[in-house]
Full PDB file with SEQRES, HELIX, SHEET, SSBOND, CRYST1, ORIGX, SCALE, CONECT and MASTER records, all heavy atoms in Angstrom:
SEQRES   1 A   39  LEU THR ILE PRO SER LEU GLY LEU LYS THR ASP ALA ILE          
SEQRES   2 A   39  PRO ARG CYS LEU ASN GLN THR THR LEU THR THR GLY ARG          
SEQRES   3 A   39  PRO GLY LEU TYR TYR GLY GLN CYS SER GLU ILE CYS ARG          
HELIX    1 AA1 PRO A    4  LEU A    6  5                                   3    
SHEET    1 AA1 2 THR A   2  ILE A   3  0                                        
SHEET    2 AA1 2 LEU A   8  LYS A   9 -1                                        
CRYST1    1.000    1.000    1.000  90.00  90.00  90.00 P 1           1          
ORIGX1      1.000000  0.000000  0.000000        0.00000                         
ORIGX2      0.000000  1.000000  0.000000        0.00000                         
ORIGX3      0.000000  0.000000  1.000000        0.00000                         
SCALE1      1.000000  0.000000  0.000000        0.00000                         
SCALE2      0.000000  1.000000  0.000000        0.00000                         
SCALE3      0.000000  0.000000  1.000000        0.00000                         
ATOM      1  N   LEU A   1       9.456  98.711-172.725  1.00  0.00           N  
ATOM      2  CA  LEU A   1       8.626  99.891-172.813  1.00  0.00           C  
ATOM      3  C   LEU A   1       9.341 101.074-172.137  1.00  0.00           C  
ATOM      4  O   LEU A   1       9.726 100.975-170.965  1.00  0.00           O  
ATOM      5  CB  LEU A   1       7.284  99.664-172.135  1.00  0.00           C  
ATOM      6  CG  LEU A   1       6.474  98.455-172.702  1.00  0.00           C  
ATOM      7  CD1 LEU A   1       5.205  98.312-171.955  1.00  0.00           C  
ATOM      8  CD2 LEU A   1       6.276  98.634-174.176  1.00  0.00           C  
ATOM      9  N   THR A   2       9.576 102.147-172.887  1.00  0.00           N  
ATOM     10  CA  THR A   2      10.393 103.258-172.405  1.00  0.00           C  
ATOM     11  C   THR A   2       9.688 104.568-172.652  1.00  0.00           C  
ATOM     12  O   THR A   2       9.223 104.844-173.747  1.00  0.00           O  
ATOM     13  CB  THR A   2      11.740 103.258-173.171  1.00  0.00           C  
ATOM     14  OG1 THR A   2      12.326 101.956-173.059  1.00  0.00           O  
ATOM     15  CG2 THR A   2      12.673 104.278-172.642  1.00  0.00           C  
ATOM     16  N   ILE A   3       9.595 105.383-171.563  1.00  0.00           N  
ATOM     17  CA  ILE A   3       9.161 106.777-171.685  1.00  0.00           C  
ATOM     18  C   ILE A   3      10.263 107.652-171.002  1.00  0.00           C  
ATOM     19  O   ILE A   3      10.252 107.798-169.785  1.00  0.00           O  
ATOM     20  CB  ILE A   3       7.777 106.994-171.036  1.00  0.00           C  
ATOM     21  CG1 ILE A   3       6.786 106.022-171.652  1.00  0.00           C  
ATOM     22  CG2 ILE A   3       7.330 108.448-171.250  1.00  0.00           C  
ATOM     23  CD1 ILE A   3       5.444 106.048-170.975  1.00  0.00           C  
ATOM     24  N   PRO A   4      11.231 108.115-171.767  1.00  0.00           N  
ATOM     25  CA  PRO A   4      12.413 108.794-171.158  1.00  0.00           C  
ATOM     26  C   PRO A   4      12.067 109.980-170.269  1.00  0.00           C  
ATOM     27  O   PRO A   4      12.677 110.101-169.205  1.00  0.00           O  
ATOM     28  CB  PRO A   4      13.183 109.214-172.394  1.00  0.00           C  
ATOM     29  CG  PRO A   4      12.738 108.298-173.498  1.00  0.00           C  
ATOM     30  CD  PRO A   4      11.309 108.029-173.198  1.00  0.00           C  
ATOM     31  N   SER A   5      11.081 110.801-170.643  1.00  0.00           N  
ATOM     32  CA  SER A   5      10.821 112.018-169.858  1.00  0.00           C  
ATOM     33  C   SER A   5      10.177 111.647-168.470  1.00  0.00           C  
ATOM     34  O   SER A   5      10.185 112.523-167.612  1.00  0.00           O  
ATOM     35  CB  SER A   5       9.925 112.952-170.643  1.00  0.00           C  
ATOM     36  OG  SER A   5       8.736 112.333-170.984  1.00  0.00           O  
ATOM     37  N   LEU A   6       9.751 110.431-168.291  1.00  0.00           N  
ATOM     38  CA  LEU A   6       9.203 110.030-166.984  1.00  0.00           C  
ATOM     39  C   LEU A   6      10.180 109.065-166.276  1.00  0.00           C  
ATOM     40  O   LEU A   6       9.826 108.578-165.192  1.00  0.00           O  
ATOM     41  CB  LEU A   6       7.862 109.325-167.173  1.00  0.00           C  
ATOM     42  CG  LEU A   6       6.705 110.211-167.676  1.00  0.00           C  
ATOM     43  CD1 LEU A   6       5.467 109.380-167.911  1.00  0.00           C  
ATOM     44  CD2 LEU A   6       6.452 111.366-166.688  1.00  0.00           C  
ATOM     45  N   GLY A   7      11.302 108.808-166.882  1.00  0.00           N  
ATOM     46  CA  GLY A   7      12.296 107.868-166.266  1.00  0.00           C  
ATOM     47  C   GLY A   7      11.752 106.457-166.216  1.00  0.00           C  
ATOM     48  O   GLY A   7      12.124 105.709-165.324  1.00  0.00           O  
ATOM     49  N   LEU A   8      10.894 106.076-167.159  1.00  0.00           N  
ATOM     50  CA  LEU A   8      10.280 104.764-167.167  1.00  0.00           C  
ATOM     51  C   LEU A   8      10.948 103.848-168.218  1.00  0.00           C  
ATOM     52  O   LEU A   8      11.038 104.221-169.387  1.00  0.00           O  
ATOM     53  CB  LEU A   8       8.801 104.892-167.451  1.00  0.00           C  
ATOM     54  CG  LEU A   8       7.978 103.590-167.495  1.00  0.00           C  
ATOM     55  CD1 LEU A   8       7.900 102.944-166.143  1.00  0.00           C  
ATOM     56  CD2 LEU A   8       6.606 103.831-168.020  1.00  0.00           C  
ATOM     57  N   LYS A   9      11.410 102.711-167.800  1.00  0.00           N  
ATOM     58  CA  LYS A   9      11.930 101.714-168.705  1.00  0.00           C  
ATOM     59  C   LYS A   9      11.690 100.352-168.070  1.00  0.00           C  
ATOM     60  O   LYS A   9      12.288 100.027-167.048  1.00  0.00           O  
ATOM     61  CB  LYS A   9      13.433 101.924-168.968  1.00  0.00           C  
ATOM     62  CG  LYS A   9      14.007 101.023-170.022  1.00  0.00           C  
ATOM     63  CD  LYS A   9      15.388 101.431-170.429  1.00  0.00           C  
ATOM     64  CE  LYS A   9      15.816 100.680-171.648  1.00  0.00           C  
ATOM     65  NZ  LYS A   9      17.071 101.162-172.174  1.00  0.00           N  
ATOM     66  N   THR A  10      10.790  99.571-168.628  1.00  0.00           N  
ATOM     67  CA  THR A  10      10.340  98.316-168.026  1.00  0.00           C  
ATOM     68  C   THR A  10      10.163  97.259-169.058  1.00  0.00           C  
ATOM     69  O   THR A  10       9.669  97.534-170.186  1.00  0.00           O  
ATOM     70  CB  THR A  10       8.998  98.553-167.268  1.00  0.00           C  
ATOM     71  OG1 THR A  10       9.168  99.597-166.344  1.00  0.00           O  
ATOM     72  CG2 THR A  10       8.540  97.304-166.561  1.00  0.00           C  
ATOM     73  N   ASP A  11      10.532  96.016-168.726  1.00  0.00           N  
ATOM     74  CA  ASP A  11      10.368  94.890-169.623  1.00  0.00           C  
ATOM     75  C   ASP A  11       8.954  94.362-169.574  1.00  0.00           C  
ATOM     76  O   ASP A  11       8.332  94.307-168.546  1.00  0.00           O  
ATOM     77  CB  ASP A  11      11.307  93.747-169.230  1.00  0.00           C  
ATOM     78  CG  ASP A  11      12.738  94.042-169.526  1.00  0.00           C  
ATOM     79  OD1 ASP A  11      13.029  94.773-170.464  1.00  0.00           O  
ATOM     80  OD2 ASP A  11      13.617  93.474-168.827  1.00  0.00           O  
ATOM     81  N   ALA A  12       8.474  93.931-170.756  1.00  0.00           N  
ATOM     82  CA  ALA A  12       7.204  93.209-170.840  1.00  0.00           C  
ATOM     83  C   ALA A  12       7.560  91.796-171.380  1.00  0.00           C  
ATOM     84  O   ALA A  12       8.071  91.681-172.482  1.00  0.00           O  
ATOM     85  CB  ALA A  12       6.268  93.908-171.810  1.00  0.00           C  
ATOM     86  N   ILE A  13       7.323  90.778-170.565  1.00  0.00           N  
ATOM     87  CA  ILE A  13       7.768  89.448-170.843  1.00  0.00           C  
ATOM     88  C   ILE A  13       6.528  88.533-170.827  1.00  0.00           C  
ATOM     89  O   ILE A  13       5.727  88.583-169.936  1.00  0.00           O  
ATOM     90  CB  ILE A  13       8.769  88.956-169.728  1.00  0.00           C  
ATOM     91  CG1 ILE A  13       9.997  89.927-169.725  1.00  0.00           C  
ATOM     92  CG2 ILE A  13       9.228  87.536-169.999  1.00  0.00           C  
ATOM     93  CD1 ILE A  13      10.887  89.717-168.527  1.00  0.00           C  
ATOM     94  N   PRO A  14       6.437  87.673-171.901  1.00  0.00           N  
ATOM     95  CA  PRO A  14       5.293  86.748-171.904  1.00  0.00           C  
ATOM     96  C   PRO A  14       5.173  85.882-170.640  1.00  0.00           C  
ATOM     97  O   PRO A  14       6.177  85.424-170.088  1.00  0.00           O  
ATOM     98  CB  PRO A  14       5.561  85.840-173.141  1.00  0.00           C  
ATOM     99  CG  PRO A  14       6.460  86.637-173.984  1.00  0.00           C  
ATOM    100  CD  PRO A  14       7.287  87.459-173.019  1.00  0.00           C  
ATOM    101  N   ARG A  15       3.976  85.670-170.177  1.00  0.00           N  
ATOM    102  CA  ARG A  15       3.623  84.861-169.044  1.00  0.00           C  
ATOM    103  C   ARG A  15       4.225  85.360-167.704  1.00  0.00           C  
ATOM    104  O   ARG A  15       4.276  84.662-166.707  1.00  0.00           O  
ATOM    105  CB  ARG A  15       4.045  83.367-169.239  1.00  0.00           C  
ATOM    106  CG  ARG A  15       3.254  82.688-170.412  1.00  0.00           C  
ATOM    107  CD  ARG A  15       3.698  81.324-170.681  1.00  0.00           C  
ATOM    108  NE  ARG A  15       5.074  81.153-170.949  1.00  0.00           N  
ATOM    109  CZ  ARG A  15       5.663  81.402-172.138  1.00  0.00           C  
ATOM    110  NH1 ARG A  15       4.920  81.850-173.130  1.00  0.00           N  
ATOM    111  NH2 ARG A  15       6.953  81.231-172.341  1.00  0.00           N  
ATOM    112  N   CYS A  16       4.698  86.589-167.707  1.00  0.00           N  
ATOM    113  CA  CYS A  16       5.200  87.243-166.467  1.00  0.00           C  
ATOM    114  C   CYS A  16       4.489  88.545-166.300  1.00  0.00           C  
ATOM    115  O   CYS A  16       4.223  89.267-167.250  1.00  0.00           O  
ATOM    116  CB  CYS A  16       6.701  87.494-166.595  1.00  0.00           C  
ATOM    117  SG  CYS A  16       7.702  85.991-166.611  1.00  0.00           S  
ATOM    118  N   LEU A  17       4.217  88.917-165.057  1.00  0.00           N  
ATOM    119  CA  LEU A  17       3.562  90.157-164.741  1.00  0.00           C  
ATOM    120  C   LEU A  17       4.572  91.050-164.081  1.00  0.00           C  
ATOM    121  O   LEU A  17       5.056  90.751-162.996  1.00  0.00           O  
ATOM    122  CB  LEU A  17       2.370  89.958-163.840  1.00  0.00           C  
ATOM    123  CG  LEU A  17       1.415  91.106-163.663  1.00  0.00           C  
ATOM    124  CD1 LEU A  17       0.833  91.559-164.963  1.00  0.00           C  
ATOM    125  CD2 LEU A  17       0.306  90.744-162.716  1.00  0.00           C  
ATOM    126  N   ASN A  18       4.960  92.114-164.761  1.00  0.00           N  
ATOM    127  CA  ASN A  18       5.930  93.082-164.269  1.00  0.00           C  
ATOM    128  C   ASN A  18       5.158  94.299-163.729  1.00  0.00           C  
ATOM    129  O   ASN A  18       4.152  94.633-164.275  1.00  0.00           O  
ATOM    130  CB  ASN A  18       6.879  93.484-165.347  1.00  0.00           C  
ATOM    131  CG  ASN A  18       8.212  93.989-164.846  1.00  0.00           C  
ATOM    132  OD1 ASN A  18       8.328  94.216-163.629  1.00  0.00           O  
ATOM    133  ND2 ASN A  18       9.155  94.170-165.693  1.00  0.00           N  
ATOM    134  N   GLN A  19       5.653  94.926-162.688  1.00  0.00           N  
ATOM    135  CA  GLN A  19       4.998  96.048-162.080  1.00  0.00           C  
ATOM    136  C   GLN A  19       5.965  97.276-161.938  1.00  0.00           C  
ATOM    137  O   GLN A  19       7.137  97.069-161.632  1.00  0.00           O  
ATOM    138  CB  GLN A  19       4.495  95.672-160.729  1.00  0.00           C  
ATOM    139  CG  GLN A  19       3.873  96.746-159.945  1.00  0.00           C  
ATOM    140  CD  GLN A  19       3.366  96.333-158.609  1.00  0.00           C  
ATOM    141  OE1 GLN A  19       2.394  95.570-158.594  1.00  0.00           O  
ATOM    142  NE2 GLN A  19       3.967  96.773-157.524  1.00  0.00           N  
ATOM    143  N   THR A  20       5.425  98.424-162.185  1.00  0.00           N  
ATOM    144  CA  THR A  20       6.207  99.650-161.940  1.00  0.00           C  
ATOM    145  C   THR A  20       5.197 100.756-161.540  1.00  0.00           C  
ATOM    146  O   THR A  20       4.023 100.585-161.635  1.00  0.00           O  
ATOM    147  CB  THR A  20       7.014 100.080-163.185  1.00  0.00           C  
ATOM    148  OG1 THR A  20       7.919 101.167-162.819  1.00  0.00           O  
ATOM    149  CG2 THR A  20       6.116 100.502-164.325  1.00  0.00           C  
ATOM    150  N   THR A  21       5.722 101.827-161.043  1.00  0.00           N  
ATOM    151  CA  THR A  21       4.893 102.976-160.694  1.00  0.00           C  
ATOM    152  C   THR A  21       5.410 104.238-161.386  1.00  0.00           C  
ATOM    153  O   THR A  21       6.607 104.311-161.664  1.00  0.00           O  
ATOM    154  CB  THR A  21       4.801 103.235-159.168  1.00  0.00           C  
ATOM    155  OG1 THR A  21       6.130 103.461-158.674  1.00  0.00           O  
ATOM    156  CG2 THR A  21       4.206 102.033-158.472  1.00  0.00           C  
ATOM    157  N   LEU A  22       4.542 105.177-161.567  1.00  0.00           N  
ATOM    158  CA  LEU A  22       4.996 106.490-162.098  1.00  0.00           C  
ATOM    159  C   LEU A  22       4.071 107.562-161.583  1.00  0.00           C  
ATOM    160  O   LEU A  22       2.903 107.317-161.233  1.00  0.00           O  
ATOM    161  CB  LEU A  22       5.031 106.489-163.627  1.00  0.00           C  
ATOM    162  CG  LEU A  22       3.765 106.422-164.424  1.00  0.00           C  
ATOM    163  CD1 LEU A  22       3.173 107.815-164.658  1.00  0.00           C  
ATOM    164  CD2 LEU A  22       4.068 105.794-165.782  1.00  0.00           C  
ATOM    165  N   THR A  23       4.593 108.754-161.511  1.00  0.00           N  
ATOM    166  CA  THR A  23       3.830 109.926-161.106  1.00  0.00           C  
ATOM    167  C   THR A  23       4.266 111.093-162.054  1.00  0.00           C  
ATOM    168  O   THR A  23       5.470 111.331-162.204  1.00  0.00           O  
ATOM    169  CB  THR A  23       4.124 110.345-159.660  1.00  0.00           C  
ATOM    170  OG1 THR A  23       3.863 109.241-158.838  1.00  0.00           O  
ATOM    171  CG2 THR A  23       3.273 111.525-159.258  1.00  0.00           C  
ATOM    172  N   THR A  24       3.306 111.655-162.710  1.00  0.00           N  
ATOM    173  CA  THR A  24       3.652 112.766-163.588  1.00  0.00           C  
ATOM    174  C   THR A  24       3.567 114.053-162.755  1.00  0.00           C  
ATOM    175  O   THR A  24       2.670 114.257-161.938  1.00  0.00           O  
ATOM    176  CB  THR A  24       2.670 112.902-164.765  1.00  0.00           C  
ATOM    177  OG1 THR A  24       1.331 112.988-164.281  1.00  0.00           O  
ATOM    178  CG2 THR A  24       2.751 111.663-165.663  1.00  0.00           C  
ATOM    179  N   GLY A  25       4.547 114.937-162.950  1.00  0.00           N  
ATOM    180  CA  GLY A  25       4.622 116.156-162.148  1.00  0.00           C  
ATOM    181  C   GLY A  25       3.815 117.309-162.700  1.00  0.00           C  
ATOM    182  O   GLY A  25       3.533 118.269-161.972  1.00  0.00           O  
ATOM    183  N   ARG A  26       3.436 117.240-163.981  1.00  0.00           N  
ATOM    184  CA  ARG A  26       2.662 118.314-164.555  1.00  0.00           C  
ATOM    185  C   ARG A  26       1.846 117.792-165.737  1.00  0.00           C  
ATOM    186  O   ARG A  26       2.183 116.772-166.327  1.00  0.00           O  
ATOM    187  CB  ARG A  26       3.578 119.455-164.977  1.00  0.00           C  
ATOM    188  CG  ARG A  26       4.546 119.044-166.085  1.00  0.00           C  
ATOM    189  CD  ARG A  26       5.448 120.223-166.454  1.00  0.00           C  
ATOM    190  NE  ARG A  26       6.275 119.873-167.592  1.00  0.00           N  
ATOM    191  CZ  ARG A  26       7.501 119.421-167.526  1.00  0.00           C  
ATOM    192  NH1 ARG A  26       8.061 119.230-166.332  1.00  0.00           N  
ATOM    193  NH2 ARG A  26       8.193 119.124-168.595  1.00  0.00           N  
ATOM    194  N   PRO A  27       0.773 118.503-166.105  1.00  0.00           N  
ATOM    195  CA  PRO A  27       0.003 118.061-167.249  1.00  0.00           C  
ATOM    196  C   PRO A  27       0.807 118.122-168.512  1.00  0.00           C  
ATOM    197  O   PRO A  27       1.721 118.988-168.667  1.00  0.00           O  
ATOM    198  CB  PRO A  27      -1.160 119.113-167.325  1.00  0.00           C  
ATOM    199  CG  PRO A  27      -1.204 119.689-165.942  1.00  0.00           C  
ATOM    200  CD  PRO A  27       0.190 119.637-165.405  1.00  0.00           C  
ATOM    201  N   GLY A  28       0.505 117.260-169.454  1.00  0.00           N  
ATOM    202  CA  GLY A  28       1.182 117.278-170.741  1.00  0.00           C  
ATOM    203  C   GLY A  28       1.181 115.949-171.430  1.00  0.00           C  
ATOM    204  O   GLY A  28       0.565 114.992-170.915  1.00  0.00           O  
ATOM    205  N   LEU A  29       1.818 115.875-172.578  1.00  0.00           N  
ATOM    206  CA  LEU A  29       1.975 114.648-173.351  1.00  0.00           C  
ATOM    207  C   LEU A  29       3.360 114.071-173.123  1.00  0.00           C  
ATOM    208  O   LEU A  29       4.346 114.795-173.159  1.00  0.00           O  
ATOM    209  CB  LEU A  29       1.777 114.906-174.849  1.00  0.00           C  
ATOM    210  CG  LEU A  29       0.327 115.240-175.285  1.00  0.00           C  
ATOM    211  CD1 LEU A  29       0.349 115.574-176.780  1.00  0.00           C  
ATOM    212  CD2 LEU A  29      -0.606 114.061-175.002  1.00  0.00           C  
ATOM    213  N   TYR A  30       3.440 112.766-172.890  1.00  0.00           N  
ATOM    214  CA  TYR A  30       4.699 112.076-172.667  1.00  0.00           C  
ATOM    215  C   TYR A  30       4.774 110.979-173.696  1.00  0.00           C  
ATOM    216  O   TYR A  30       3.933 110.107-173.801  1.00  0.00           O  
ATOM    217  CB  TYR A  30       4.749 111.503-171.272  1.00  0.00           C  
ATOM    218  CG  TYR A  30       4.652 112.606-170.208  1.00  0.00           C  
ATOM    219  CD1 TYR A  30       3.429 113.024-169.720  1.00  0.00           C  
ATOM    220  CD2 TYR A  30       5.816 113.184-169.727  1.00  0.00           C  
ATOM    221  CE1 TYR A  30       3.371 114.001-168.741  1.00  0.00           C  
ATOM    222  CE2 TYR A  30       5.747 114.183-168.768  1.00  0.00           C  
ATOM    223  CZ  TYR A  30       4.532 114.542-168.226  1.00  0.00           C  
ATOM    224  OH  TYR A  30       4.460 115.574-167.321  1.00  0.00           O  
ATOM    225  N   TYR A  31       5.885 111.011-174.527  1.00  0.00           N  
ATOM    226  CA  TYR A  31       6.063 110.066-175.592  1.00  0.00           C  
ATOM    227  C   TYR A  31       7.124 109.028-175.253  1.00  0.00           C  
ATOM    228  O   TYR A  31       8.128 109.362-174.602  1.00  0.00           O  
ATOM    229  CB  TYR A  31       6.494 110.805-176.884  1.00  0.00           C  
ATOM    230  CG  TYR A  31       5.431 111.676-177.433  1.00  0.00           C  
ATOM    231  CD1 TYR A  31       5.288 113.018-177.100  1.00  0.00           C  
ATOM    232  CD2 TYR A  31       4.511 111.194-178.417  1.00  0.00           C  
ATOM    233  CE1 TYR A  31       4.318 113.835-177.590  1.00  0.00           C  
ATOM    234  CE2 TYR A  31       3.521 112.024-178.914  1.00  0.00           C  
ATOM    235  CZ  TYR A  31       3.436 113.333-178.508  1.00  0.00           C  
ATOM    236  OH  TYR A  31       2.454 114.117-179.048  1.00  0.00           O  
ATOM    237  N   GLY A  32       6.886 107.830-175.718  1.00  0.00           N  
ATOM    238  CA  GLY A  32       7.876 106.767-175.580  1.00  0.00           C  
ATOM    239  C   GLY A  32       7.619 105.695-176.645  1.00  0.00           C  
ATOM    240  O   GLY A  32       6.787 105.864-177.500  1.00  0.00           O  
ATOM    241  N   GLN A  33       8.391 104.584-176.574  1.00  0.00           N  
ATOM    242  CA  GLN A  33       8.239 103.533-177.474  1.00  0.00           C  
ATOM    243  C   GLN A  33       8.974 102.253-177.003  1.00  0.00           C  
ATOM    244  O   GLN A  33       9.666 102.345-175.986  1.00  0.00           O  
ATOM    245  CB  GLN A  33       8.637 103.864-178.905  1.00  0.00           C  
ATOM    246  CG  GLN A  33      10.086 104.290-179.052  1.00  0.00           C  
ATOM    247  CD  GLN A  33      10.355 104.903-180.423  1.00  0.00           C  
ATOM    248  OE1 GLN A  33      11.310 105.611-180.514  1.00  0.00           O  
ATOM    249  NE2 GLN A  33       9.597 104.646-181.452  1.00  0.00           N  
ATOM    250  N   CYS A  34       8.781 101.190-177.691  1.00  0.00           N  
ATOM    251  CA  CYS A  34       9.531  99.982-177.347  1.00  0.00           C  
ATOM    252  C   CYS A  34      10.958 100.205-177.773  1.00  0.00           C  
ATOM    253  O   CYS A  34      11.210 100.538-178.972  1.00  0.00           O  
ATOM    254  CB  CYS A  34       8.907  98.779-178.110  1.00  0.00           C  
ATOM    255  SG  CYS A  34       9.742  97.208-177.756  1.00  0.00           S  
ATOM    256  N   SER A  35      11.874 100.056-176.861  1.00  0.00           N  
ATOM    257  CA  SER A  35      13.298 100.345-177.182  1.00  0.00           C  
ATOM    258  C   SER A  35      14.079  99.031-177.435  1.00  0.00           C  
ATOM    259  O   SER A  35      15.275  99.080-177.563  1.00  0.00           O  
ATOM    260  CB  SER A  35      13.944 101.147-176.053  1.00  0.00           C  
ATOM    261  OG  SER A  35      13.883 100.413-174.814  1.00  0.00           O  
ATOM    262  N   GLU A  36      13.406  97.919-177.480  1.00  0.00           N  
ATOM    263  CA  GLU A  36      14.047  96.644-177.766  1.00  0.00           C  
ATOM    264  C   GLU A  36      13.628  96.226-179.197  1.00  0.00           C  
ATOM    265  O   GLU A  36      12.467  96.213-179.562  1.00  0.00           O  
ATOM    266  CB  GLU A  36      13.512  95.599-176.767  1.00  0.00           C  
ATOM    267  CG  GLU A  36      14.172  94.217-176.916  1.00  0.00           C  
ATOM    268  CD  GLU A  36      15.521  94.176-176.255  1.00  0.00           C  
ATOM    269  OE1 GLU A  36      15.769  94.992-175.364  1.00  0.00           O  
ATOM    270  OE2 GLU A  36      16.314  93.326-176.651  1.00  0.00           O  
ATOM    271  N   ILE A  37      14.634  95.918-180.034  1.00  0.00           N  
ATOM    272  CA  ILE A  37      14.319  95.494-181.385  1.00  0.00           C  
ATOM    273  C   ILE A  37      14.110  93.980-181.297  1.00  0.00           C  
ATOM    274  O   ILE A  37      15.004  93.168-181.497  1.00  0.00           O  
ATOM    275  CB  ILE A  37      15.429  95.868-182.381  1.00  0.00           C  
ATOM    276  CG1 ILE A  37      15.636  97.395-182.359  1.00  0.00           C  
ATOM    277  CG2 ILE A  37      15.093  95.378-183.774  1.00  0.00           C  
ATOM    278  CD1 ILE A  37      16.750  97.919-183.189  1.00  0.00           C  
ATOM    279  N   CYS A  38      12.864  93.629-181.010  1.00  0.00           N  
ATOM    280  CA  CYS A  38      12.519  92.208-180.757  1.00  0.00           C  
ATOM    281  C   CYS A  38      11.996  91.480-181.973  1.00  0.00           C  
ATOM    282  O   CYS A  38      11.878  90.298-181.941  1.00  0.00           O  
ATOM    283  CB  CYS A  38      11.582  92.121-179.547  1.00  0.00           C  
ATOM    284  SG  CYS A  38      10.270  93.345-179.627  1.00  0.00           S  
ATOM    285  N   ARG A  39      11.662  92.269-182.977  1.00  0.00           N  
ATOM    286  CA  ARG A  39      11.140  91.671-184.234  1.00  0.00           C  
ATOM    287  C   ARG A  39      10.943  92.813-185.186  1.00  0.00           C  
ATOM    288  O   ARG A  39      10.933  93.967-184.837  1.00  0.00           O  
ATOM    289  CB  ARG A  39       9.864  90.905-183.884  1.00  0.00           C  
ATOM    290  CG  ARG A  39       8.940  90.538-184.970  1.00  0.00           C  
ATOM    291  CD  ARG A  39       7.933  89.539-184.466  1.00  0.00           C  
ATOM    292  NE  ARG A  39       6.631  90.209-184.450  1.00  0.00           N  
ATOM    293  CZ  ARG A  39       5.558  89.696-183.944  1.00  0.00           C  
ATOM    294  NH1 ARG A  39       5.609  88.531-183.356  1.00  0.00           N  
ATOM    295  NH2 ARG A  39       4.430  90.365-183.928  1.00  0.00           N  
TER     296      ARG A  39                                                      
MASTER        0    0    0    1    2    0    0    6  295    1    0    3          
END                                                                             
């Protein structure tokens, strides 16, 4: 899972719980997508 404008790139793995934090600096829309071609 990747949101470039927030500097967020984190794996989502079955049966594992991954954690990250983020803080947005200003109101707005932030776009991202799955950057792994997993299927």
